Amino acid sequence: MHDAFLPEWAVERGKWLNSFGEIDPARTALVIVDMQGAFVAQGEIFGNPHAEAIIPAVNRLAAAMRAAGGTVIWTRQTVSEEAPLAMAPWQYDPTDARVREAIDALTPGAASHGLHPDMVAAGSDLVLDKYRYSAFGCPSGALEAALRQRGIEMLVIAGTLTNVCCESTARDGYMRGFKVIFLSDATATVCDEEHNAALLSLRLHFADVRDTSAVISMLEQHSNQVTS
């Protein structure tokens, strides 16, 4: 797991834009980005020990969100050759062996495309395929449509990679008017430096950055208020 570090000056400077001390689960979605075999399992094309290490935190948070009545959404990075889902031709060279391996791993039906077997998804969860780094950048618009239909106002972002798909989704969510909480200990990338650089930029401009325990405490606090 990453040695996450966020300087206090960044926390203080970011507070005036994004500081969320309460969660209304009915209007909140946990968006778990790309915890697929291809990005998590050792020996896979993008397998990453940091991503493997956050599995317990992600599962714990998903269970807490469901218990509180919130929405849980899983995304899967997906490759398609059909327009408009297909990437621009210049972005991928399928004659490159590593690119070909990645395309094959992220094609629907491939074992590596599915969620990692240790991820605990429930029947009530949504599983959405995405075709760009940001889950909001998908030509199909599936994520935003699902959020709007459910009256979601806040996103909690977990998954991998911190500084690619997770960060892109958080930024786009903010620009679409959603409150965003980004998990410092339930997101992962390839090294601490990249992880912390993403947390810094997000905290300054786009999201409240908190750890899993803090978010679960806010969910429990809301439940206690409702039942008291």
C-alpha atoms as a PDB file:
ATOM      1  CA  MET A   1       0.000   0.000   0.000  1.00  0.00           C
ATOM      2  CA  HIS A   2       1.172   3.530  -0.684  1.00  0.00           C
ATOM      3  CA  ASP A   3       2.824   5.751   1.890  1.00  0.00           C
ATOM      4  CA  ALA A   4       0.284   8.495   1.272  1.00  0.00           C
ATOM      5  CA  PHE A   5       1.298  12.030   2.206  1.00  0.00           C
ATOM      6  CA  LEU A   6      -0.659  15.237   1.815  1.00  0.00           C
ATOM      7  CA  PRO A   7       0.971  18.423   3.183  1.00  0.00           C
ATOM      8  CA  GLU A   8      -1.113  20.413   5.646  1.00  0.00           C
ATOM      9  CA  TRP A   9      -0.812  23.576   3.574  1.00  0.00           C
ATOM     10  CA  ALA A  10      -2.539  21.786   0.683  1.00  0.00           C
ATOM     11  CA  VAL A  11      -5.319  20.543   2.946  1.00  0.00           C
ATOM     12  CA  GLU A  12      -5.882  24.065   4.283  1.00  0.00           C
ATOM     13  CA  ARG A  13      -5.765  25.723   0.869  1.00  0.00           C
ATOM     14  CA  GLY A  14      -8.177  23.221  -0.626  1.00  0.00           C
ATOM     15  CA  LYS A  15     -10.775  23.555   2.119  1.00  0.00           C
ATOM     16  CA  TRP A  16     -12.507  26.601   0.698  1.00  0.00           C
ATOM     17  CA  LEU A  17     -13.451  24.682  -2.450  1.00  0.00           C
ATOM     18  CA  ASN A  18     -13.896  21.098  -1.301  1.00  0.00           C
ATOM     19  CA  SER A  19     -14.443  20.171   2.332  1.00  0.00           C
ATOM     20  CA  PHE A  20     -17.196  17.673   3.072  1.00  0.00           C
ATOM     21  CA  GLY A  21     -17.768  16.575   6.646  1.00  0.00           C
ATOM     22  CA  GLU A  22     -21.073  14.805   6.065  1.00  0.00           C
ATOM     23  CA  ILE A  23     -22.381  12.170   3.654  1.00  0.00           C
ATOM     24  CA  ASP A  24     -25.991  11.556   2.680  1.00  0.00           C
ATOM     25  CA  PRO A  25     -25.802   7.955   1.440  1.00  0.00           C
ATOM     26  CA  ALA A  26     -29.030   8.269  -0.554  1.00  0.00           C
ATOM     27  CA  ARG A  27     -27.326  10.906  -2.706  1.00  0.00           C
ATOM     28  CA  THR A  28     -23.856   9.330  -2.758  1.00  0.00           C
ATOM     29  CA  ALA A  29     -22.201   6.853  -5.096  1.00  0.00           C
ATOM     30  CA  LEU A  30     -18.992   4.952  -4.460  1.00  0.00           C
ATOM     31  CA  VAL A  31     -17.328   4.727  -7.871  1.00  0.00           C
ATOM     32  CA  ILE A  32     -14.737   1.939  -7.888  1.00  0.00           C
ATOM     33  CA  VAL A  33     -12.503   2.389 -10.895  1.00  0.00           C
ATOM     34  CA  ASP A  34     -11.044  -0.526 -12.846  1.00  0.00           C
ATOM     35  CA  MET A  35     -10.274  -3.053 -10.107  1.00  0.00           C
ATOM     36  CA  GLN A  36      -9.944  -5.657 -12.845  1.00  0.00           C
ATOM     37  CA  GLY A  37      -7.630  -8.598 -13.159  1.00  0.00           C
ATOM     38  CA  ALA A  38      -5.602  -6.746 -15.801  1.00  0.00           C
ATOM     39  CA  PHE A  39      -4.708  -3.952 -13.346  1.00  0.00           C
ATOM     40  CA  VAL A  40      -4.576  -5.819 -10.046  1.00  0.00           C
ATOM     41  CA  ALA A  41      -3.403  -9.430 -10.406  1.00  0.00           C
ATOM     42  CA  GLN A  42       0.294 -10.196 -10.357  1.00  0.00           C
ATOM     43  CA  GLY A  43       1.595 -11.366 -13.722  1.00  0.00           C
ATOM     44  CA  GLU A  44      -1.089  -9.460 -15.639  1.00  0.00           C
ATOM     45  CA  ILE A  45      -0.267  -6.805 -18.226  1.00  0.00           C
ATOM     46  CA  PHE A  46      -0.741  -3.937 -15.746  1.00  0.00           C
ATOM     47  CA  GLY A  47      -0.627  -5.986 -12.532  1.00  0.00           C
ATOM     48  CA  ASN A  48       0.323  -3.779  -9.605  1.00  0.00           C
ATOM     49  CA  PRO A  49       1.093  -4.762  -5.992  1.00  0.00           C
ATOM     50  CA  HIS A  50      -0.224  -1.418  -4.729  1.00  0.00           C
ATOM     51  CA  ALA A  51      -3.580  -2.106  -6.391  1.00  0.00           C
ATOM     52  CA  GLU A  52      -3.652  -5.587  -4.892  1.00  0.00           C
ATOM     53  CA  ALA A  53      -2.986  -4.083  -1.453  1.00  0.00           C
ATOM     54  CA  ILE A  54      -6.099  -1.871  -1.510  1.00  0.00           C
ATOM     55  CA  ILE A  55      -8.532  -4.758  -2.113  1.00  0.00           C
ATOM     56  CA  PRO A  56      -9.540  -5.035   1.596  1.00  0.00           C
ATOM     57  CA  ALA A  57     -10.125  -1.279   1.925  1.00  0.00           C
ATOM     58  CA  VAL A  58     -12.224  -1.133  -1.243  1.00  0.00           C
ATOM     59  CA  ASN A  59     -14.341  -4.112  -0.206  1.00  0.00           C
ATOM     60  CA  ARG A  60     -14.788  -2.700   3.303  1.00  0.00           C
ATOM     61  CA  LEU A  61     -15.927   0.638   1.946  1.00  0.00           C
ATOM     62  CA  ALA A  62     -18.288  -0.960  -0.582  1.00  0.00           C
ATOM     63  CA  ALA A  63     -19.934  -2.976   2.193  1.00  0.00           C
ATOM     64  CA  ALA A  64     -20.319   0.130   4.352  1.00  0.00           C
ATOM     65  CA  MET A  65     -21.814   2.127   1.480  1.00  0.00           C
ATOM     66  CA  ARG A  66     -24.376  -0.590   0.733  1.00  0.00           C
ATOM     67  CA  ALA A  67     -25.280  -0.932   4.411  1.00  0.00           C
ATOM     68  CA  ALA A  68     -25.871   2.816   4.630  1.00  0.00           C
ATOM     69  CA  GLY A  69     -28.124   2.787   1.555  1.00  0.00           C
ATOM     70  CA  GLY A  70     -25.664   4.295  -0.905  1.00  0.00           C
ATOM     71  CA  THR A  71     -24.944   3.308  -4.488  1.00  0.00           C
ATOM     72  CA  VAL A  72     -21.909   1.211  -5.485  1.00  0.00           C
ATOM     73  CA  ILE A  73     -20.670   1.410  -9.074  1.00  0.00           C
ATOM     74  CA  TRP A  74     -17.791  -0.590 -10.560  1.00  0.00           C
ATOM     75  CA  THR A  75     -16.130   0.430 -13.815  1.00  0.00           C
ATOM     76  CA  ARG A  76     -14.159  -1.779 -16.174  1.00  0.00           C
ATOM     77  CA  GLN A  77     -11.669  -0.312 -18.644  1.00  0.00           C
ATOM     78  CA  THR A  78     -12.752  -1.727 -21.978  1.00  0.00           C
ATOM     79  CA  VAL A  79     -11.469  -1.837 -25.548  1.00  0.00           C
ATOM     80  CA  SER A  80     -13.739  -1.687 -28.572  1.00  0.00           C
ATOM     81  CA  GLU A  81     -13.052  -1.360 -32.276  1.00  0.00           C
ATOM     82  CA  GLU A  82     -16.524   0.054 -32.928  1.00  0.00           C
ATOM     83  CA  ALA A  83     -17.068   3.806 -33.271  1.00  0.00           C
ATOM     84  CA  PRO A  84     -17.681   5.906 -31.239  1.00  0.00           C
ATOM     85  CA  LEU A  85     -16.338   3.654 -28.469  1.00  0.00           C
ATOM     86  CA  ALA A  86     -13.044   2.959 -30.251  1.00  0.00           C
ATOM     87  CA  MET A  87     -10.000   5.032 -29.364  1.00  0.00           C
ATOM     88  CA  ALA A  88      -8.433   7.245 -32.028  1.00  0.00           C
ATOM     89  CA  PRO A  89      -6.180   5.118 -34.282  1.00  0.00           C
ATOM     90  CA  TRP A  90      -3.048   7.114 -33.440  1.00  0.00           C
ATOM     91  CA  GLN A  91      -3.371   6.341 -29.711  1.00  0.00           C
ATOM     92  CA  TYR A  92      -2.746   2.612 -29.976  1.00  0.00           C
ATOM     93  CA  ASP A  93      -0.530   0.638 -32.339  1.00  0.00           C
ATOM     94  CA  PRO A  94      -1.908  -2.927 -32.378  1.00  0.00           C
ATOM     95  CA  THR A  95       1.258  -4.169 -34.097  1.00  0.00           C
ATOM     96  CA  ASP A  96       3.203  -3.411 -30.885  1.00  0.00           C
ATOM     97  CA  ALA A  97       3.334  -6.603 -28.811  1.00  0.00           C
ATOM     98  CA  ARG A  98       2.614  -4.930 -25.465  1.00  0.00           C
ATOM     99  CA  VAL A  99      -0.231  -2.873 -26.895  1.00  0.00           C
ATOM    100  CA  ARG A 100      -1.698  -6.024 -28.423  1.00  0.00           C
ATOM    101  CA  GLU A 101      -1.476  -7.776 -25.056  1.00  0.00           C
ATOM    102  CA  ALA A 102      -3.258  -4.875 -23.366  1.00  0.00           C
ATOM    103  CA  ILE A 103      -6.005  -4.800 -25.991  1.00  0.00           C
ATOM    104  CA  ASP A 104      -6.573  -8.524 -25.628  1.00  0.00           C
ATOM    105  CA  ALA A 105      -6.702  -8.273 -21.819  1.00  0.00           C
ATOM    106  CA  LEU A 106      -9.255  -5.454 -21.837  1.00  0.00           C
ATOM    107  CA  THR A 107     -11.585  -6.890 -24.460  1.00  0.00           C
ATOM    108  CA  PRO A 108     -14.984  -8.037 -23.110  1.00  0.00           C
ATOM    109  CA  GLY A 109     -14.977 -11.777 -22.523  1.00  0.00           C
ATOM    110  CA  ALA A 110     -11.308 -11.926 -21.551  1.00  0.00           C
ATOM    111  CA  ALA A 111     -10.712 -13.191 -18.026  1.00  0.00           C
ATOM    112  CA  SER A 112      -8.473 -10.189 -17.293  1.00  0.00           C
ATOM    113  CA  HIS A 113     -11.260  -7.774 -18.240  1.00  0.00           C
ATOM    114  CA  GLY A 114     -13.435  -8.920 -15.345  1.00  0.00           C
ATOM    115  CA  LEU A 115     -13.225  -7.634 -11.792  1.00  0.00           C
ATOM    116  CA  HIS A 116     -10.425  -9.221  -9.786  1.00  0.00           C
ATOM    117  CA  PRO A 117     -11.828 -12.382  -8.131  1.00  0.00           C
ATOM    118  CA  ASP A 118     -11.174 -10.977  -4.647  1.00  0.00           C
ATOM    119  CA  MET A 119     -13.410  -7.967  -5.255  1.00  0.00           C
ATOM    120  CA  VAL A 120     -16.764  -8.415  -3.521  1.00  0.00           C
ATOM    121  CA  ALA A 121     -19.519  -7.060  -5.757  1.00  0.00           C
ATOM    122  CA  ALA A 122     -23.199  -7.379  -4.825  1.00  0.00           C
ATOM    123  CA  GLY A 123     -26.195  -7.948  -7.044  1.00  0.00           C
ATOM    124  CA  SER A 124     -27.414  -4.432  -6.279  1.00  0.00           C
ATOM    125  CA  ASP A 125     -24.188  -2.857  -7.591  1.00  0.00           C
ATOM    126  CA  LEU A 126     -23.825  -1.420 -11.073  1.00  0.00           C
ATOM    127  CA  VAL A 127     -20.984  -2.619 -13.319  1.00  0.00           C
ATOM    128  CA  LEU A 128     -20.259  -0.262 -16.205  1.00  0.00           C
ATOM    129  CA  ASP A 129     -17.764  -0.616 -19.034  1.00  0.00           C
ATOM    130  CA  LYS A 130     -15.802   2.532 -19.829  1.00  0.00           C
ATOM    131  CA  TYR A 131     -13.790   3.286 -22.943  1.00  0.00           C
ATOM    132  CA  ARG A 132     -11.697   6.299 -21.885  1.00  0.00           C
ATOM    133  CA  TYR A 133      -9.568   7.059 -18.830  1.00  0.00           C
ATOM    134  CA  SER A 134     -12.344   9.131 -17.263  1.00  0.00           C
ATOM    135  CA  ALA A 135     -15.537   7.226 -16.595  1.00  0.00           C
ATOM    136  CA  PHE A 136     -17.330  10.431 -17.598  1.00  0.00           C
ATOM    137  CA  GLY A 137     -15.480  10.540 -20.910  1.00  0.00           C
ATOM    138  CA  CYS A 138     -17.188   7.472 -22.305  1.00  0.00           C
ATOM    139  CA  PRO A 139     -19.066   8.183 -25.529  1.00  0.00           C
ATOM    140  CA  SER A 140     -21.929   6.067 -24.163  1.00  0.00           C
ATOM    141  CA  GLY A 141     -22.412   8.423 -21.180  1.00  0.00           C
ATOM    142  CA  ALA A 142     -23.471   5.497 -19.009  1.00  0.00           C
ATOM    143  CA  LEU A 143     -22.003   6.715 -15.706  1.00  0.00           C
ATOM    144  CA  GLU A 144     -23.460  10.202 -15.770  1.00  0.00           C
ATOM    145  CA  ALA A 145     -26.859   8.871 -16.836  1.00  0.00           C
ATOM    146  CA  ALA A 146     -26.886   6.394 -13.936  1.00  0.00           C
ATOM    147  CA  LEU A 147     -25.919   9.093 -11.434  1.00  0.00           C
ATOM    148  CA  ARG A 148     -28.499  11.601 -12.647  1.00  0.00           C
ATOM    149  CA  GLN A 149     -31.259   8.979 -12.605  1.00  0.00           C
ATOM    150  CA  ARG A 150     -30.509   8.231  -8.952  1.00  0.00           C
ATOM    151  CA  GLY A 151     -30.253  11.847  -7.839  1.00  0.00           C
ATOM    152  CA  ILE A 152     -26.592  11.440  -6.872  1.00  0.00           C
ATOM    153  CA  GLU A 153     -24.815  14.583  -5.673  1.00  0.00           C
ATOM    154  CA  MET A 154     -21.587  13.168  -4.187  1.00  0.00           C
ATOM    155  CA  LEU A 155     -18.984  10.757  -5.546  1.00  0.00           C
ATOM    156  CA  VAL A 156     -16.502   8.762  -3.492  1.00  0.00           C
ATOM    157  CA  ILE A 157     -13.664   7.596  -5.745  1.00  0.00           C
ATOM    158  CA  ALA A 158     -11.657   4.398  -5.190  1.00  0.00           C
ATOM    159  CA  GLY A 159      -9.663   2.087  -7.458  1.00  0.00           C
ATOM    160  CA  THR A 160      -6.743   2.278  -9.849  1.00  0.00           C
ATOM    161  CA  LEU A 161      -4.740   3.955 -11.283  1.00  0.00           C
ATOM    162  CA  THR A 162      -4.741   6.931  -8.884  1.00  0.00           C
ATOM    163  CA  ASN A 163      -3.234   9.407 -11.340  1.00  0.00           C
ATOM    164  CA  VAL A 164      -4.893   8.144 -14.518  1.00  0.00           C
ATOM    165  CA  CYS A 165      -8.455   6.821 -14.514  1.00  0.00           C
ATOM    166  CA  CYS A 166      -9.278   7.692 -10.892  1.00  0.00           C
ATOM    167  CA  GLU A 167      -7.962  11.240 -11.120  1.00  0.00           C
ATOM    168  CA  SER A 168      -9.546  11.794 -14.546  1.00  0.00           C
ATOM    169  CA  THR A 169     -12.920  10.624 -13.239  1.00  0.00           C
ATOM    170  CA  ALA A 170     -12.659  12.820 -10.131  1.00  0.00           C
ATOM    171  CA  ARG A 171     -11.795  15.933 -12.147  1.00  0.00           C
ATOM    172  CA  ASP A 172     -14.605  15.362 -14.611  1.00  0.00           C
ATOM    173  CA  GLY A 173     -17.050  14.668 -11.793  1.00  0.00           C
ATOM    174  CA  TYR A 174     -16.141  17.974 -10.151  1.00  0.00           C
ATOM    175  CA  MET A 175     -16.573  19.849 -13.434  1.00  0.00           C
ATOM    176  CA  ARG A 176     -20.046  18.324 -13.814  1.00  0.00           C
ATOM    177  CA  GLY A 177     -21.103  19.673 -10.439  1.00  0.00           C
ATOM    178  CA  PHE A 178     -20.654  16.613  -8.214  1.00  0.00           C
ATOM    179  CA  LYS A 179     -19.064  16.837  -4.783  1.00  0.00           C
ATOM    180  CA  VAL A 180     -16.043  14.530  -4.840  1.00  0.00           C
ATOM    181  CA  ILE A 181     -14.281  12.654  -2.044  1.00  0.00           C
ATOM    182  CA  PHE A 182     -11.109  10.882  -3.158  1.00  0.00           C
ATOM    183  CA  LEU A 183      -9.741   7.980  -1.095  1.00  0.00           C
ATOM    184  CA  SER A 184      -6.059   8.250  -0.184  1.00  0.00           C
ATOM    185  CA  ASP A 185      -5.808   4.622   0.977  1.00  0.00           C
ATOM    186  CA  ALA A 186      -8.248   2.956  -1.434  1.00  0.00           C
ATOM    187  CA  THR A 187      -6.652   4.199  -4.651  1.00  0.00           C
ATOM    188  CA  ALA A 188      -3.387   2.929  -6.098  1.00  0.00           C
ATOM    189  CA  THR A 189      -0.868   3.523  -8.856  1.00  0.00           C
ATOM    190  CA  VAL A 190       2.649   2.322  -9.649  1.00  0.00           C
ATOM    191  CA  CYS A 191       4.643   4.340  -7.089  1.00  0.00           C
ATOM    192  CA  ASP A 192       4.243   6.656  -4.090  1.00  0.00           C
ATOM    193  CA  GLU A 193       5.495   9.691  -6.011  1.00  0.00           C
ATOM    194  CA  GLU A 194       2.749   9.473  -8.630  1.00  0.00           C
ATOM    195  CA  HIS A 195       0.112   8.670  -6.008  1.00  0.00           C
ATOM    196  CA  ASN A 196       0.973  11.661  -3.834  1.00  0.00           C
ATOM    197  CA  ALA A 197       1.281  14.035  -6.791  1.00  0.00           C
ATOM    198  CA  ALA A 198      -2.286  13.162  -7.769  1.00  0.00           C
ATOM    199  CA  LEU A 199      -3.573  13.580  -4.200  1.00  0.00           C
ATOM    200  CA  LEU A 200      -1.930  17.005  -3.995  1.00  0.00           C
ATOM    201  CA  SER A 201      -3.483  18.338  -7.192  1.00  0.00           C
ATOM    202  CA  LEU A 202      -6.886  16.898  -6.409  1.00  0.00           C
ATOM    203  CA  ARG A 203      -6.958  18.317  -2.867  1.00  0.00           C
ATOM    204  CA  LEU A 204      -6.020  21.779  -4.060  1.00  0.00           C
ATOM    205  CA  HIS A 205      -8.644  22.052  -6.770  1.00  0.00           C
ATOM    206  CA  PHE A 206     -11.037  19.150  -7.338  1.00  0.00           C
ATOM    207  CA  ALA A 207     -11.807  16.972  -4.316  1.00  0.00           C
ATOM    208  CA  ASP A 208     -11.765  16.402  -0.602  1.00  0.00           C
ATOM    209  CA  VAL A 209      -9.127  13.745   0.105  1.00  0.00           C
ATOM    210  CA  ARG A 210      -9.886  11.394   2.986  1.00  0.00           C
ATOM    211  CA  ASP A 211      -9.072   7.849   4.057  1.00  0.00           C
ATOM    212  CA  THR A 212     -11.428   4.879   4.207  1.00  0.00           C
ATOM    213  CA  SER A 213     -11.968   5.025   7.958  1.00  0.00           C
ATOM    214  CA  ALA A 214     -13.016   8.689   7.779  1.00  0.00           C
ATOM    215  CA  VAL A 215     -15.604   7.991   5.082  1.00  0.00           C
ATOM    216  CA  ILE A 216     -16.993   4.972   6.921  1.00  0.00           C
ATOM    217  CA  SER A 217     -17.275   7.084  10.095  1.00  0.00           C
ATOM    218  CA  MET A 218     -19.298   9.670   8.162  1.00  0.00           C
ATOM    219  CA  LEU A 219     -21.601   6.941   6.843  1.00  0.00           C
ATOM    220  CA  GLU A 220     -22.088   5.553  10.357  1.00  0.00           C
ATOM    221  CA  GLN A 221     -22.684   9.032  11.748  1.00  0.00           C
ATOM    222  CA  HIS A 222     -25.461   9.612   9.209  1.00  0.00           C
ATOM    223  CA  SER A 223     -27.048   6.246  10.043  1.00  0.00           C
ATOM    224  CA  ASN A 224     -26.970   7.058  13.768  1.00  0.00           C
ATOM    225  CA  GLN A 225     -28.622  10.428  13.150  1.00  0.00           C
ATOM    226  CA  VAL A 226     -31.404   8.801  11.124  1.00  0.00           C
ATOM    227  CA  THR A 227     -32.128   6.136  13.762  1.00  0.00           C
ATOM    228  CA  SER A 228     -31.857   8.375  16.834  1.00  0.00           C
END
